[in-house]
Amino acid sequence: MDKQTEIELQAAAFRRLQQHLMQDRTDVQNIDLMNLAGFCRNCLSRWYQEAANERGIEMTKDEGREIYYGMPYDQWKAQHQTEASPEKQAAFEVAFKENVTDRG
């Protein structure tokens, strides 16, 4: 497979993951994703922002989130985010430290 086709397939897979998380499974909470998989929608938006910044494209965290979420993050939270239990919040602290804080 040539490099351009590989890039296009990777981009298509990313878009499908984004659609799955943003349209098909809005019921799945970010905290659950982070606790189970070590990443969430915010991580994906941050990775998008970091990729832009690495290529010399200035993009803030909020701009990356709005591009990924398709709306301001506060709007997404108001429409889809539910209150997390204390147990989920405690597990999140561990998952965030292991997967975000310690990695950079």
C-alpha atoms as a PDB file:
ATOM      1  CA  MET A   1       0.000   0.000   0.000  1.00  0.00           C
ATOM      2  CA  ASP A   2       1.365   3.423  -0.874  1.00  0.00           C
ATOM      3  CA  LYS A   3       1.856   6.048   1.861  1.00  0.00           C
ATOM      4  CA  GLN A   4      -0.903   8.387   0.623  1.00  0.00           C
ATOM      5  CA  THR A   5      -3.482   5.574   0.644  1.00  0.00           C
ATOM      6  CA  GLU A   6      -2.376   4.597   4.141  1.00  0.00           C
ATOM      7  CA  ILE A   7      -2.824   8.197   5.337  1.00  0.00           C
ATOM      8  CA  GLU A   8      -6.270   8.388   3.724  1.00  0.00           C
ATOM      9  CA  LEU A   9      -7.361   5.128   5.374  1.00  0.00           C
ATOM     10  CA  GLN A  10      -6.071   6.292   8.753  1.00  0.00           C
ATOM     11  CA  ALA A  11      -7.969   9.573   8.348  1.00  0.00           C
ATOM     12  CA  ALA A  12     -11.133   7.685   7.383  1.00  0.00           C
ATOM     13  CA  ALA A  13     -10.812   5.458  10.461  1.00  0.00           C
ATOM     14  CA  PHE A  14     -10.351   8.538  12.664  1.00  0.00           C
ATOM     15  CA  ARG A  15     -13.444  10.185  11.147  1.00  0.00           C
ATOM     16  CA  ARG A  16     -15.442   7.000  11.782  1.00  0.00           C
ATOM     17  CA  LEU A  17     -14.274   6.872  15.404  1.00  0.00           C
ATOM     18  CA  GLN A  18     -15.234  10.519  15.777  1.00  0.00           C
ATOM     19  CA  GLN A  19     -18.689   9.846  14.299  1.00  0.00           C
ATOM     20  CA  HIS A  20     -19.141   6.859  16.583  1.00  0.00           C
ATOM     21  CA  LEU A  21     -18.299   8.878  19.706  1.00  0.00           C
ATOM     22  CA  MET A  22     -19.990  12.126  18.695  1.00  0.00           C
ATOM     23  CA  GLN A  23     -23.164  10.857  17.026  1.00  0.00           C
ATOM     24  CA  ASP A  24     -23.714   7.143  17.578  1.00  0.00           C
ATOM     25  CA  ARG A  25     -22.735   6.879  21.262  1.00  0.00           C
ATOM     26  CA  THR A  26     -23.221  10.249  22.896  1.00  0.00           C
ATOM     27  CA  ASP A  27     -24.438   8.276  25.932  1.00  0.00           C
ATOM     28  CA  VAL A  28     -20.912   7.042  26.625  1.00  0.00           C
ATOM     29  CA  GLN A  29     -19.379   9.464  29.078  1.00  0.00           C
ATOM     30  CA  ASN A  30     -15.821  10.775  28.731  1.00  0.00           C
ATOM     31  CA  ILE A  31     -15.072   9.660  32.276  1.00  0.00           C
ATOM     32  CA  ASP A  32     -16.064   6.085  31.384  1.00  0.00           C
ATOM     33  CA  LEU A  33     -13.867   6.152  28.288  1.00  0.00           C
ATOM     34  CA  MET A  34     -10.908   7.445  30.288  1.00  0.00           C
ATOM     35  CA  ASN A  35     -11.415   4.983  33.117  1.00  0.00           C
ATOM     36  CA  LEU A  36     -11.696   1.997  30.779  1.00  0.00           C
ATOM     37  CA  ALA A  37      -9.469   2.890  27.841  1.00  0.00           C
ATOM     38  CA  GLY A  38      -7.142   5.606  29.092  1.00  0.00           C
ATOM     39  CA  PHE A  39      -8.382   8.187  26.580  1.00  0.00           C
ATOM     40  CA  CYS A  40     -11.552  10.136  25.861  1.00  0.00           C
ATOM     41  CA  ARG A  41     -12.983  12.677  23.443  1.00  0.00           C
ATOM     42  CA  ASN A  42     -10.908  15.410  25.089  1.00  0.00           C
ATOM     43  CA  CYS A  43      -7.746  13.388  24.446  1.00  0.00           C
ATOM     44  CA  LEU A  44      -8.703  13.035  20.789  1.00  0.00           C
ATOM     45  CA  SER A  45      -9.293  16.767  20.506  1.00  0.00           C
ATOM     46  CA  ARG A  46      -5.960  17.435  22.234  1.00  0.00           C
ATOM     47  CA  TRP A  47      -4.138  15.071  19.874  1.00  0.00           C
ATOM     48  CA  TYR A  48      -5.741  16.922  16.962  1.00  0.00           C
ATOM     49  CA  GLN A  49      -4.573  20.248  18.413  1.00  0.00           C
ATOM     50  CA  GLU A  50      -1.065  18.899  19.046  1.00  0.00           C
ATOM     51  CA  ALA A  51      -0.830  17.598  15.462  1.00  0.00           C
ATOM     52  CA  ALA A  52      -1.837  21.030  14.179  1.00  0.00           C
ATOM     53  CA  ASN A  53       0.683  22.778  16.432  1.00  0.00           C
ATOM     54  CA  GLU A  54       3.462  20.388  15.325  1.00  0.00           C
ATOM     55  CA  ARG A  55       2.756  21.476  11.755  1.00  0.00           C
ATOM     56  CA  GLY A  56       2.966  25.158  12.615  1.00  0.00           C
ATOM     57  CA  ILE A  57      -0.800  25.692  12.753  1.00  0.00           C
ATOM     58  CA  GLU A  58      -1.698  27.709  15.825  1.00  0.00           C
ATOM     59  CA  MET A  59      -4.639  26.142  17.604  1.00  0.00           C
ATOM     60  CA  THR A  60      -5.729  26.500  21.217  1.00  0.00           C
ATOM     61  CA  LYS A  61      -7.157  23.742  23.372  1.00  0.00           C
ATOM     62  CA  ASP A  62     -10.619  25.310  23.053  1.00  0.00           C
ATOM     63  CA  GLU A  63     -10.308  25.575  19.263  1.00  0.00           C
ATOM     64  CA  GLY A  64      -9.242  21.927  19.033  1.00  0.00           C
ATOM     65  CA  ARG A  65     -12.177  20.868  21.165  1.00  0.00           C
ATOM     66  CA  GLU A  66     -14.655  22.885  19.125  1.00  0.00           C
ATOM     67  CA  ILE A  67     -13.350  21.347  15.900  1.00  0.00           C
ATOM     68  CA  TYR A  68     -13.515  17.823  17.340  1.00  0.00           C
ATOM     69  CA  TYR A  69     -16.844  18.222  19.135  1.00  0.00           C
ATOM     70  CA  GLY A  70     -18.442  20.231  16.334  1.00  0.00           C
ATOM     71  CA  MET A  71     -19.618  22.767  18.918  1.00  0.00           C
ATOM     72  CA  PRO A  72     -18.236  24.602  21.926  1.00  0.00           C
ATOM     73  CA  TYR A  73     -17.231  22.139  24.635  1.00  0.00           C
ATOM     74  CA  ASP A  74     -19.546  23.756  27.206  1.00  0.00           C
ATOM     75  CA  GLN A  75     -22.472  23.139  24.850  1.00  0.00           C
ATOM     76  CA  TRP A  76     -21.494  19.467  24.464  1.00  0.00           C
ATOM     77  CA  LYS A  77     -21.250  19.075  28.239  1.00  0.00           C
ATOM     78  CA  ALA A  78     -24.659  20.688  28.763  1.00  0.00           C
ATOM     79  CA  GLN A  79     -26.278  18.395  26.196  1.00  0.00           C
ATOM     80  CA  HIS A  80     -24.551  15.092  26.946  1.00  0.00           C
ATOM     81  CA  GLN A  81     -22.526  14.993  30.152  1.00  0.00           C
ATOM     82  CA  THR A  82     -24.000  13.534  33.315  1.00  0.00           C
ATOM     83  CA  GLU A  83     -22.766  13.768  36.899  1.00  0.00           C
ATOM     84  CA  ALA A  84     -20.112  11.182  37.726  1.00  0.00           C
ATOM     85  CA  SER A  85     -20.207   9.189  40.931  1.00  0.00           C
ATOM     86  CA  PRO A  86     -17.446   9.671  43.503  1.00  0.00           C
ATOM     87  CA  GLU A  87     -16.117   6.214  42.579  1.00  0.00           C
ATOM     88  CA  LYS A  88     -15.860   7.161  38.897  1.00  0.00           C
ATOM     89  CA  GLN A  89     -14.190  10.444  39.804  1.00  0.00           C
ATOM     90  CA  ALA A  90     -11.601   8.624  41.948  1.00  0.00           C
ATOM     91  CA  ALA A  91     -10.908   6.129  39.148  1.00  0.00           C
ATOM     92  CA  PHE A  92     -10.580   9.055  36.735  1.00  0.00           C
ATOM     93  CA  GLU A  93      -7.882  10.665  38.890  1.00  0.00           C
ATOM     94  CA  VAL A  94      -5.838   7.468  38.601  1.00  0.00           C
ATOM     95  CA  ALA A  95      -6.509   7.023  34.866  1.00  0.00           C
ATOM     96  CA  PHE A  96      -5.699  10.667  34.102  1.00  0.00           C
ATOM     97  CA  LYS A  97      -2.428  10.479  36.010  1.00  0.00           C
ATOM     98  CA  GLU A  98      -1.437   7.225  34.294  1.00  0.00           C
ATOM     99  CA  ASN A  99      -2.481   8.204  30.777  1.00  0.00           C
ATOM    100  CA  VAL A 100      -2.204  11.983  30.515  1.00  0.00           C
ATOM    101  CA  THR A 101      -0.121  13.547  33.273  1.00  0.00           C
ATOM    102  CA  ASP A 102       2.713  11.002  33.204  1.00  0.00           C
ATOM    103  CA  ARG A 103       2.950  11.018  29.407  1.00  0.00           C
ATOM    104  CA  GLY A 104       3.600  14.642  28.819  1.00  0.00           C
END
